[in-house]
Each structure stands twice: as C-alpha cells, then as structure tokens.
C-alpha cells in the first residue's frame, strides 16, 4: 500500500485490518481520534514503529517532554517541523516497510 491508497482508506469507518498498530494509530489520528490512536501505540510499545508514532502523538498533544522520551526510545530525532509533515513522513516510512 502506498500513501495515496492509505489516505483513501480514511473514507472508511475502520483502518484496514492488514496494517500494524502503528499505522492504525496514524489512521485514527487522521480521523481526529487521538485517544484511540494512543491506545493503539500503548498496546504495542515493544514495536519501534509504534514507539515512533507514540512520540508524534505526544508532540501533537503538546506534551513535549514526554514526546522527547518516546523519540529517544524510537531512536528518532525530536521533530520540530509541522505536524502534518511529520504525519506524512512517518506514514510513508512505515508503509515502505
């Protein structure tokens, strides 16, 4: 699946079942459901992709110290750009595998 196909799934009521929890979290986040997105990443904290999305979600929430912790755990630099650009970048990276 590429990012355009992923975006097309946003018209549905549930994320595609064949995607991992990190992509489910990004799907729910794009639907405006931060809580559900956060539940997804909390359910898979051993997955590096979920840890990265967890960092993004706390940055979006405005909890920058917690976000920094999750970025460190993910081995990713702390993002400082626009949130939409970060969502795109993470989504594309995870879809690329």
PDB file of N, CA and C in Angstrom:
ATOM      1  N   UNK A   1       0.849  -1.175   0.000  1.00  0.00           N
ATOM      2  CA  UNK A   1       0.000   0.000   0.000  1.00  0.00           C
ATOM      3  C   UNK A   1       0.895   1.237   0.000  1.00  0.00           C
ATOM      4  N   UNK A   2       0.532   2.237  -0.788  1.00  0.00           N
ATOM      5  CA  UNK A   2       1.268   3.497  -0.756  1.00  0.00           C
ATOM      6  C   UNK A   2       0.433   4.537  -0.002  1.00  0.00           C
ATOM      7  N   UNK A   3       0.984   5.709   0.154  1.00  0.00           N
ATOM      8  CA  UNK A   3       0.313   6.720   0.975  1.00  0.00           C
ATOM      9  C   UNK A   3      -1.014   7.173   0.379  1.00  0.00           C
ATOM     10  N   UNK A   4      -1.115   7.222  -0.944  1.00  0.00           N
ATOM     11  CA  UNK A   4      -2.395   7.602  -1.554  1.00  0.00           C
ATOM     12  C   UNK A   4      -3.468   6.551  -1.281  1.00  0.00           C
ATOM     13  N   UNK A   5      -3.086   5.286  -1.338  1.00  0.00           N
ATOM     14  CA  UNK A   5      -4.036   4.219  -1.007  1.00  0.00           C
ATOM     15  C   UNK A   5      -4.413   4.277   0.478  1.00  0.00           C
ATOM     16  N   UNK A   6      -3.423   4.580   1.311  1.00  0.00           N
ATOM     17  CA  UNK A   6      -3.694   4.712   2.746  1.00  0.00           C
ATOM     18  C   UNK A   6      -4.674   5.856   2.991  1.00  0.00           C
ATOM     19  N   UNK A   7      -4.429   6.983   2.349  1.00  0.00           N
ATOM     20  CA  UNK A   7      -5.341   8.127   2.502  1.00  0.00           C
ATOM     21  C   UNK A   7      -6.760   7.753   2.066  1.00  0.00           C
ATOM     22  N   UNK A   8      -6.877   6.968   1.009  1.00  0.00           N
ATOM     23  CA  UNK A   8      -8.197   6.560   0.517  1.00  0.00           C
ATOM     24  C   UNK A   8      -8.943   5.738   1.568  1.00  0.00           C
ATOM     25  N   UNK A   9      -8.215   4.995   2.408  1.00  0.00           N
ATOM     26  CA  UNK A   9      -8.879   4.188   3.439  1.00  0.00           C
ATOM     27  C   UNK A   9      -9.501   5.060   4.523  1.00  0.00           C
ATOM     28  N   UNK A  10      -9.091   6.329   4.577  1.00  0.00           N
ATOM     29  CA  UNK A  10      -9.634   7.233   5.588  1.00  0.00           C
ATOM     30  C   UNK A  10     -11.115   7.517   5.374  1.00  0.00           C
ATOM     31  N   UNK A  11     -11.631   7.132   4.215  1.00  0.00           N
ATOM     32  CA  UNK A  11     -13.061   7.293   3.946  1.00  0.00           C
ATOM     33  C   UNK A  11     -13.884   6.205   4.639  1.00  0.00           C
ATOM     34  N   UNK A  12     -13.196   5.162   5.111  1.00  0.00           N
ATOM     35  CA  UNK A  12     -13.882   4.062   5.779  1.00  0.00           C
ATOM     36  C   UNK A  12     -14.165   4.367   7.235  1.00  0.00           C
ATOM     37  N   UNK A  13     -14.696   3.361   7.925  1.00  0.00           N
ATOM     38  CA  UNK A  13     -15.031   3.530   9.347  1.00  0.00           C
ATOM     39  C   UNK A  13     -14.017   2.855  10.261  1.00  0.00           C
ATOM     40  N   UNK A  14     -13.157   2.025   9.707  1.00  0.00           N
ATOM     41  CA  UNK A  14     -12.121   1.314  10.458  1.00  0.00           C
ATOM     42  C   UNK A  14     -10.862   1.259   9.605  1.00  0.00           C
ATOM     43  N   UNK A  15      -9.692   1.222  10.237  1.00  0.00           N
ATOM     44  CA  UNK A  15      -8.461   1.072   9.454  1.00  0.00           C
ATOM     45  C   UNK A  15      -8.386  -0.325   8.844  1.00  0.00           C
ATOM     46  N   UNK A  16      -7.661  -0.476   7.750  1.00  0.00           N
ATOM     47  CA  UNK A  16      -7.508  -1.804   7.154  1.00  0.00           C
ATOM     48  C   UNK A  16      -6.900  -2.786   8.157  1.00  0.00           C
ATOM     49  N   UNK A  17      -7.454  -3.950   8.224  1.00  0.00           N
ATOM     50  CA  UNK A  17      -7.033  -4.939   9.217  1.00  0.00           C
ATOM     51  C   UNK A  17      -5.602  -5.421   9.008  1.00  0.00           C
ATOM     52  N   UNK A  18      -5.099  -5.352   7.785  1.00  0.00           N
ATOM     53  CA  UNK A  18      -3.784  -5.919   7.492  1.00  0.00           C
ATOM     54  C   UNK A  18      -2.630  -4.981   7.838  1.00  0.00           C
ATOM     55  N   UNK A  19      -2.913  -3.849   8.453  1.00  0.00           N
ATOM     56  CA  UNK A  19      -1.865  -2.910   8.846  1.00  0.00           C
ATOM     57  C   UNK A  19      -1.515  -3.107  10.314  1.00  0.00           C
ATOM     58  N   UNK A  20      -0.286  -2.782  10.666  1.00  0.00           N
ATOM     59  CA  UNK A  20       0.146  -2.892  12.054  1.00  0.00           C
ATOM     60  C   UNK A  20      -0.455  -1.800  12.919  1.00  0.00           C
ATOM     61  N   UNK A  21      -0.231  -1.924  14.208  1.00  0.00           N
ATOM     62  CA  UNK A  21      -0.816  -0.992  15.165  1.00  0.00           C
ATOM     63  C   UNK A  21      -0.320   0.441  14.978  1.00  0.00           C
ATOM     64  N   UNK A  22       0.931   0.626  14.562  1.00  0.00           N
ATOM     65  CA  UNK A  22       1.450   1.978  14.351  1.00  0.00           C
ATOM     66  C   UNK A  22       0.666   2.682  13.253  1.00  0.00           C
ATOM     67  N   UNK A  23       0.390   1.976  12.168  1.00  0.00           N
ATOM     68  CA  UNK A  23      -0.400   2.570  11.084  1.00  0.00           C
ATOM     69  C   UNK A  23      -1.858   2.720  11.489  1.00  0.00           C
ATOM     70  N   UNK A  24      -2.364   1.821  12.292  1.00  0.00           N
ATOM     71  CA  UNK A  24      -3.722   2.005  12.829  1.00  0.00           C
ATOM     72  C   UNK A  24      -3.774   3.294  13.635  1.00  0.00           C
ATOM     73  N   UNK A  25      -2.736   3.536  14.444  1.00  0.00           N
ATOM     74  CA  UNK A  25      -2.694   4.750  15.255  1.00  0.00           C
ATOM     75  C   UNK A  25      -2.680   5.994  14.370  1.00  0.00           C
ATOM     76  N   UNK A  26      -1.881   5.960  13.313  1.00  0.00           N
ATOM     77  CA  UNK A  26      -1.844   7.106  12.397  1.00  0.00           C
ATOM     78  C   UNK A  26      -3.185   7.283  11.708  1.00  0.00           C
ATOM     79  N   UNK A  27      -3.863   6.195  11.390  1.00  0.00           N
ATOM     80  CA  UNK A  27      -5.186   6.253  10.764  1.00  0.00           C
ATOM     81  C   UNK A  27      -6.178   6.930  11.716  1.00  0.00           C
ATOM     82  N   UNK A  28      -6.183   6.473  12.985  1.00  0.00           N
ATOM     83  CA  UNK A  28      -7.111   7.060  13.960  1.00  0.00           C
ATOM     84  C   UNK A  28      -6.763   8.528  14.235  1.00  0.00           C
ATOM     85  N   UNK A  29      -5.478   8.820  14.260  1.00  0.00           N
ATOM     86  CA  UNK A  29      -5.086  10.213  14.462  1.00  0.00           C
ATOM     87  C   UNK A  29      -5.626  11.094  13.340  1.00  0.00           C
ATOM     88  N   UNK A  30      -5.512  10.638  12.126  1.00  0.00           N
ATOM     89  CA  UNK A  30      -6.005  11.429  10.989  1.00  0.00           C
ATOM     90  C   UNK A  30      -7.520  11.543  11.031  1.00  0.00           C
ATOM     91  N   UNK A  31      -8.189  10.620  11.696  1.00  0.00           N
ATOM     92  CA  UNK A  31      -9.641  10.695  11.867  1.00  0.00           C
ATOM     93  C   UNK A  31     -10.022  11.651  12.996  1.00  0.00           C
ATOM     94  N   UNK A  32      -9.025  12.171  13.685  1.00  0.00           N
ATOM     95  CA  UNK A  32      -9.297  13.093  14.784  1.00  0.00           C
ATOM     96  C   UNK A  32      -9.520  12.415  16.117  1.00  0.00           C
ATOM     97  N   UNK A  33      -9.177  11.137  16.217  1.00  0.00           N
ATOM     98  CA  UNK A  33      -9.392  10.381  17.450  1.00  0.00           C
ATOM     99  C   UNK A  33      -8.038  10.097  18.114  1.00  0.00           C
ATOM    100  N   UNK A  34      -7.499  11.119  18.793  1.00  0.00           N
ATOM    101  CA  UNK A  34      -6.190  10.998  19.436  1.00  0.00           C
ATOM    102  C   UNK A  34      -6.192   9.875  20.463  1.00  0.00           C
ATOM    103  N   UNK A  35      -7.251   9.771  21.244  1.00  0.00           N
ATOM    104  CA  UNK A  35      -7.317   8.744  22.297  1.00  0.00           C
ATOM    105  C   UNK A  35      -7.195   7.338  21.719  1.00  0.00           C
ATOM    106  N   UNK A  36      -7.925   7.075  20.666  1.00  0.00           N
ATOM    107  CA  UNK A  36      -7.878   5.739  20.055  1.00  0.00           C
ATOM    108  C   UNK A  36      -6.505   5.486  19.451  1.00  0.00           C
ATOM    109  N   UNK A  37      -5.918   6.525  18.841  1.00  0.00           N
ATOM    110  CA  UNK A  37      -4.567   6.402  18.294  1.00  0.00           C
ATOM    111  C   UNK A  37      -3.581   6.057  19.412  1.00  0.00           C
ATOM    112  N   UNK A  38      -3.722   6.734  20.539  1.00  0.00           N
ATOM    113  CA  UNK A  38      -2.831   6.499  21.666  1.00  0.00           C
ATOM    114  C   UNK A  38      -3.006   5.088  22.218  1.00  0.00           C
ATOM    115  N   UNK A  39      -4.226   4.605  22.256  1.00  0.00           N
ATOM    116  CA  UNK A  39      -4.474   3.224  22.700  1.00  0.00           C
ATOM    117  C   UNK A  39      -3.741   2.228  21.805  1.00  0.00           C
ATOM    118  N   UNK A  40      -3.730   2.480  20.510  1.00  0.00           N
ATOM    119  CA  UNK A  40      -3.047   1.583  19.570  1.00  0.00           C
ATOM    120  C   UNK A  40      -1.554   1.493  19.882  1.00  0.00           C
ATOM    121  N   UNK A  41      -0.907   2.639  20.090  1.00  0.00           N
ATOM    122  CA  UNK A  41       0.536   2.600  20.332  1.00  0.00           C
ATOM    123  C   UNK A  41       0.853   2.054  21.721  1.00  0.00           C
ATOM    124  N   UNK A  42      -0.018   2.295  22.674  1.00  0.00           N
ATOM    125  CA  UNK A  42       0.210   1.732  24.003  1.00  0.00           C
ATOM    126  C   UNK A  42       0.098   0.209  23.985  1.00  0.00           C
ATOM    127  N   UNK A  43      -0.706  -0.312  23.092  1.00  0.00           N
ATOM    128  CA  UNK A  43      -0.895  -1.756  23.001  1.00  0.00           C
ATOM    129  C   UNK A  43       0.298  -2.458  22.352  1.00  0.00           C
ATOM    130  N   UNK A  44       1.193  -1.686  21.745  1.00  0.00           N
ATOM    131  CA  UNK A  44       2.323  -2.305  21.038  1.00  0.00           C
ATOM    132  C   UNK A  44       3.627  -1.550  21.311  1.00  0.00           C
ATOM    133  N   UNK A  45       3.890  -1.275  22.593  1.00  0.00           N
ATOM    134  CA  UNK A  45       5.062  -0.485  22.972  1.00  0.00           C
ATOM    135  C   UNK A  45       6.394  -1.164  22.706  1.00  0.00           C
ATOM    136  N   UNK A  46       6.402  -2.453  22.379  1.00  0.00           N
ATOM    137  CA  UNK A  46       7.664  -3.119  22.048  1.00  0.00           C
ATOM    138  C   UNK A  46       8.013  -2.953  20.565  1.00  0.00           C
ATOM    139  N   UNK A  47       7.091  -2.436  19.787  1.00  0.00           N
ATOM    140  CA  UNK A  47       7.301  -2.237  18.349  1.00  0.00           C
ATOM    141  C   UNK A  47       7.919  -0.859  18.106  1.00  0.00           C
ATOM    142  N   UNK A  48       9.123  -0.796  17.510  1.00  0.00           N
ATOM    143  CA  UNK A  48       9.761   0.505  17.268  1.00  0.00           C
ATOM    144  C   UNK A  48       8.894   1.479  16.461  1.00  0.00           C
ATOM    145  N   UNK A  49       8.106   0.978  15.538  1.00  0.00           N
ATOM    146  CA  UNK A  49       7.227   1.855  14.748  1.00  0.00           C
ATOM    147  C   UNK A  49       6.185   2.498  15.654  1.00  0.00           C
ATOM    148  N   UNK A  50       5.621   1.729  16.556  1.00  0.00           N
ATOM    149  CA  UNK A  50       4.628   2.272  17.481  1.00  0.00           C
ATOM    150  C   UNK A  50       5.247   3.277  18.439  1.00  0.00           C
ATOM    151  N   UNK A  51       6.481   3.020  18.846  1.00  0.00           N
ATOM    152  CA  UNK A  51       7.175   3.953  19.728  1.00  0.00           C
ATOM    153  C   UNK A  51       7.359   5.295  19.019  1.00  0.00           C
ATOM    154  N   UNK A  52       7.704   5.262  17.740  1.00  0.00           N
ATOM    155  CA  UNK A  52       7.869   6.479  16.957  1.00  0.00           C
ATOM    156  C   UNK A  52       6.546   7.251  16.851  1.00  0.00           C
ATOM    157  N   UNK A  53       5.469   6.519  16.550  1.00  0.00           N
ATOM    158  CA  UNK A  53       4.159   7.165  16.460  1.00  0.00           C
ATOM    159  C   UNK A  53       3.736   7.691  17.830  1.00  0.00           C
ATOM    160  N   UNK A  54       4.098   6.981  18.888  1.00  0.00           N
ATOM    161  CA  UNK A  54       3.797   7.430  20.246  1.00  0.00           C
ATOM    162  C   UNK A  54       4.439   8.795  20.490  1.00  0.00           C
ATOM    163  N   UNK A  55       5.679   8.958  20.048  1.00  0.00           N
ATOM    164  CA  UNK A  55       6.372  10.247  20.179  1.00  0.00           C
ATOM    165  C   UNK A  55       5.611  11.341  19.448  1.00  0.00           C
ATOM    166  N   UNK A  56       5.236  11.064  18.205  1.00  0.00           N
ATOM    167  CA  UNK A  56       4.475  12.030  17.404  1.00  0.00           C
ATOM    168  C   UNK A  56       3.179  12.429  18.112  1.00  0.00           C
ATOM    169  N   UNK A  57       2.468  11.444  18.649  1.00  0.00           N
ATOM    170  CA  UNK A  57       1.187  11.734  19.296  1.00  0.00           C
ATOM    171  C   UNK A  57       1.359  12.643  20.514  1.00  0.00           C
ATOM    172  N   UNK A  58       2.398  12.396  21.310  1.00  0.00           N
ATOM    173  CA  UNK A  58       2.610  13.265  22.476  1.00  0.00           C
ATOM    174  C   UNK A  58       3.075  14.653  22.047  1.00  0.00           C
ATOM    175  N   UNK A  59       3.817  14.733  20.956  1.00  0.00           N
ATOM    176  CA  UNK A  59       4.176  16.053  20.431  1.00  0.00           C
ATOM    177  C   UNK A  59       2.914  16.787  19.993  1.00  0.00           C
ATOM    178  N   UNK A  60       2.033  16.085  19.310  1.00  0.00           N
ATOM    179  CA  UNK A  60       0.787  16.697  18.858  1.00  0.00           C
ATOM    180  C   UNK A  60      -0.047  17.155  20.053  1.00  0.00           C
ATOM    181  N   UNK A  61      -0.041  16.373  21.099  1.00  0.00           N
ATOM    182  CA  UNK A  61      -0.782  16.699  22.316  1.00  0.00           C
ATOM    183  C   UNK A  61      -0.198  17.938  23.005  1.00  0.00           C
ATOM    184  N   UNK A  62       1.063  18.219  22.735  1.00  0.00           N
ATOM    185  CA  UNK A  62       1.719  19.348  23.375  1.00  0.00           C
ATOM    186  C   UNK A  62       2.577  18.963  24.565  1.00  0.00           C
ATOM    187  N   UNK A  63       2.684  17.667  24.828  1.00  0.00           N
ATOM    188  CA  UNK A  63       3.497  17.162  25.933  1.00  0.00           C
ATOM    189  C   UNK A  63       4.903  16.888  25.392  1.00  0.00           C
ATOM    190  N   UNK A  64       5.693  17.952  25.258  1.00  0.00           N
ATOM    191  CA  UNK A  64       6.975  17.857  24.561  1.00  0.00           C
ATOM    192  C   UNK A  64       8.021  17.060  25.315  1.00  0.00           C
ATOM    193  N   UNK A  65       8.007  17.093  26.649  1.00  0.00           N
ATOM    194  CA  UNK A  65       8.992  16.298  27.390  1.00  0.00           C
ATOM    195  C   UNK A  65       8.697  14.808  27.246  1.00  0.00           C
ATOM    196  N   UNK A  66       7.430  14.436  27.280  1.00  0.00           N
ATOM    197  CA  UNK A  66       7.055  13.038  27.077  1.00  0.00           C
ATOM    198  C   UNK A  66       7.358  12.624  25.638  1.00  0.00           C
ATOM    199  N   UNK A  67       7.081  13.501  24.694  1.00  0.00           N
ATOM    200  CA  UNK A  67       7.397  13.215  23.293  1.00  0.00           C
ATOM    201  C   UNK A  67       8.894  12.967  23.130  1.00  0.00           C
ATOM    202  N   UNK A  68       9.725  13.804  23.753  1.00  0.00           N
ATOM    203  CA  UNK A  68      11.178  13.644  23.643  1.00  0.00           C
ATOM    204  C   UNK A  68      11.618  12.272  24.156  1.00  0.00           C
ATOM    205  N   UNK A  69      11.010  11.827  25.252  1.00  0.00           N
ATOM    206  CA  UNK A  69      11.300  10.496  25.780  1.00  0.00           C
ATOM    207  C   UNK A  69      11.006   9.428  24.730  1.00  0.00           C
ATOM    208  N   UNK A  70       9.855   9.499  24.075  1.00  0.00           N
ATOM    209  CA  UNK A  70       9.472   8.490  23.088  1.00  0.00           C
ATOM    210  C   UNK A  70      10.324   8.586  21.821  1.00  0.00           C
ATOM    211  N   UNK A  71      10.699   9.794  21.420  1.00  0.00           N
ATOM    212  CA  UNK A  71      11.618   9.915  20.277  1.00  0.00           C
ATOM    213  C   UNK A  71      12.947   9.228  20.599  1.00  0.00           C
ATOM    214  N   UNK A  72      13.470   9.430  21.800  1.00  0.00           N
ATOM    215  CA  UNK A  72      14.717   8.762  22.193  1.00  0.00           C
ATOM    216  C   UNK A  72      14.544   7.249  22.139  1.00  0.00           C
ATOM    217  N   UNK A  73      13.441   6.757  22.697  1.00  0.00           N
ATOM    218  CA  UNK A  73      13.200   5.300  22.672  1.00  0.00           C
ATOM    219  C   UNK A  73      13.089   4.767  21.252  1.00  0.00           C
ATOM    220  N   UNK A  74      12.557   5.593  20.350  1.00  0.00           N
ATOM    221  CA  UNK A  74      12.394   5.175  18.955  1.00  0.00           C
ATOM    222  C   UNK A  74      13.691   5.314  18.156  1.00  0.00           C
ATOM    223  N   UNK A  75      14.680   5.978  18.736  1.00  0.00           N
ATOM    224  CA  UNK A  75      15.919   6.215  18.004  1.00  0.00           C
ATOM    225  C   UNK A  75      15.736   7.233  16.887  1.00  0.00           C
ATOM    226  N   UNK A  76      14.798   8.138  17.090  1.00  0.00           N
ATOM    227  CA  UNK A  76      14.475   9.169  16.102  1.00  0.00           C
ATOM    228  C   UNK A  76      14.804  10.541  16.671  1.00  0.00           C
ATOM    229  N   UNK A  77      15.195  11.478  15.785  1.00  0.00           N
ATOM    230  CA  UNK A  77      15.409  12.839  16.288  1.00  0.00           C
ATOM    231  C   UNK A  77      14.075  13.470  16.688  1.00  0.00           C
ATOM    232  N   UNK A  78      14.120  14.353  17.652  1.00  0.00           N
ATOM    233  CA  UNK A  78      12.910  15.061  18.060  1.00  0.00           C
ATOM    234  C   UNK A  78      12.469  15.945  16.900  1.00  0.00           C
ATOM    235  N   UNK A  79      11.254  15.749  16.466  1.00  0.00           N
ATOM    236  CA  UNK A  79      10.724  16.517  15.337  1.00  0.00           C
ATOM    237  C   UNK A  79      10.374  17.928  15.791  1.00  0.00           C
ATOM    238  N   UNK A  80      10.565  18.881  14.888  1.00  0.00           N
ATOM    239  CA  UNK A  80      10.248  20.270  15.200  1.00  0.00           C
ATOM    240  C   UNK A  80       9.448  20.936  14.088  1.00  0.00           C
ATOM    241  N   UNK A  81       9.241  20.239  12.980  1.00  0.00           N
ATOM    242  CA  UNK A  81       8.507  20.816  11.859  1.00  0.00           C
ATOM    243  C   UNK A  81       7.007  20.736  12.066  1.00  0.00           C
ATOM    244  N   UNK A  82       6.298  20.965  10.993  1.00  0.00           N
ATOM    245  CA  UNK A  82       4.830  20.919  11.049  1.00  0.00           C
ATOM    246  C   UNK A  82       4.353  19.496  11.315  1.00  0.00           C
ATOM    247  N   UNK A  83       3.311  19.403  12.117  1.00  0.00           N
ATOM    248  CA  UNK A  83       2.761  18.094  12.473  1.00  0.00           C
ATOM    249  C   UNK A  83       2.271  17.333  11.252  1.00  0.00           C
ATOM    250  N   UNK A  84       1.613  18.006  10.322  1.00  0.00           N
ATOM    251  CA  UNK A  84       1.127  17.320   9.116  1.00  0.00           C
ATOM    252  C   UNK A  84       2.280  16.719   8.319  1.00  0.00           C
ATOM    253  N   UNK A  85       3.383  17.447   8.242  1.00  0.00           N
ATOM    254  CA  UNK A  85       4.554  16.934   7.517  1.00  0.00           C
ATOM    255  C   UNK A  85       5.137  15.723   8.235  1.00  0.00           C
ATOM    256  N   UNK A  86       5.139  15.758   9.564  1.00  0.00           N
ATOM    257  CA  UNK A  86       5.644  14.611  10.315  1.00  0.00           C
ATOM    258  C   UNK A  86       4.736  13.400  10.120  1.00  0.00           C
ATOM    259  N   UNK A  87       3.425  13.615  10.158  1.00  0.00           N
ATOM    260  CA  UNK A  87       2.479  12.517   9.924  1.00  0.00           C
ATOM    261  C   UNK A  87       2.759  11.882   8.564  1.00  0.00           C
ATOM    262  N   UNK A  88       2.914  12.709   7.539  1.00  0.00           N
ATOM    263  CA  UNK A  88       3.192  12.211   6.185  1.00  0.00           C
ATOM    264  C   UNK A  88       4.485  11.405   6.161  1.00  0.00           C
ATOM    265  N   UNK A  89       5.520  11.955   6.767  1.00  0.00           N
ATOM    266  CA  UNK A  89       6.828  11.302   6.752  1.00  0.00           C
ATOM    267  C   UNK A  89       6.797   9.956   7.459  1.00  0.00           C
ATOM    268  N   UNK A  90       6.191   9.918   8.636  1.00  0.00           N
ATOM    269  CA  UNK A  90       6.113   8.641   9.369  1.00  0.00           C
ATOM    270  C   UNK A  90       5.267   7.648   8.591  1.00  0.00           C
ATOM    271  N   UNK A  91       4.138   8.080   8.092  1.00  0.00           N
ATOM    272  CA  UNK A  91       3.239   7.185   7.344  1.00  0.00           C
ATOM    273  C   UNK A  91       3.960   6.606   6.131  1.00  0.00           C
ATOM    274  N   UNK A  92       4.615   7.452   5.349  1.00  0.00           N
ATOM    275  CA  UNK A  92       5.332   6.968   4.165  1.00  0.00           C
ATOM    276  C   UNK A  92       6.422   5.979   4.562  1.00  0.00           C
ATOM    277  N   UNK A  93       7.162   6.280   5.620  1.00  0.00           N
ATOM    278  CA  UNK A  93       8.231   5.403   6.065  1.00  0.00           C
ATOM    279  C   UNK A  93       7.693   4.034   6.488  1.00  0.00           C
ATOM    280  N   UNK A  94       6.611   4.043   7.254  1.00  0.00           N
ATOM    281  CA  UNK A  94       6.056   2.762   7.721  1.00  0.00           C
ATOM    282  C   UNK A  94       5.435   1.968   6.588  1.00  0.00           C
ATOM    283  N   UNK A  95       4.808   2.632   5.655  1.00  0.00           N
ATOM    284  CA  UNK A  95       4.228   1.928   4.512  1.00  0.00           C
ATOM    285  C   UNK A  95       5.312   1.321   3.618  1.00  0.00           C
ATOM    286  N   UNK A  96       6.459   1.992   3.537  1.00  0.00           N
ATOM    287  CA  UNK A  96       7.573   1.488   2.734  1.00  0.00           C
ATOM    288  C   UNK A  96       8.214   0.259   3.368  1.00  0.00           C
ATOM    289  N   UNK A  97       7.958   0.083   4.661  1.00  0.00           N
ATOM    290  CA  UNK A  97       8.421  -1.116   5.329  1.00  0.00           C
ATOM    291  C   UNK A  97       9.795  -1.020   5.867  1.00  0.00           C
TER     292      UNK A  97
END
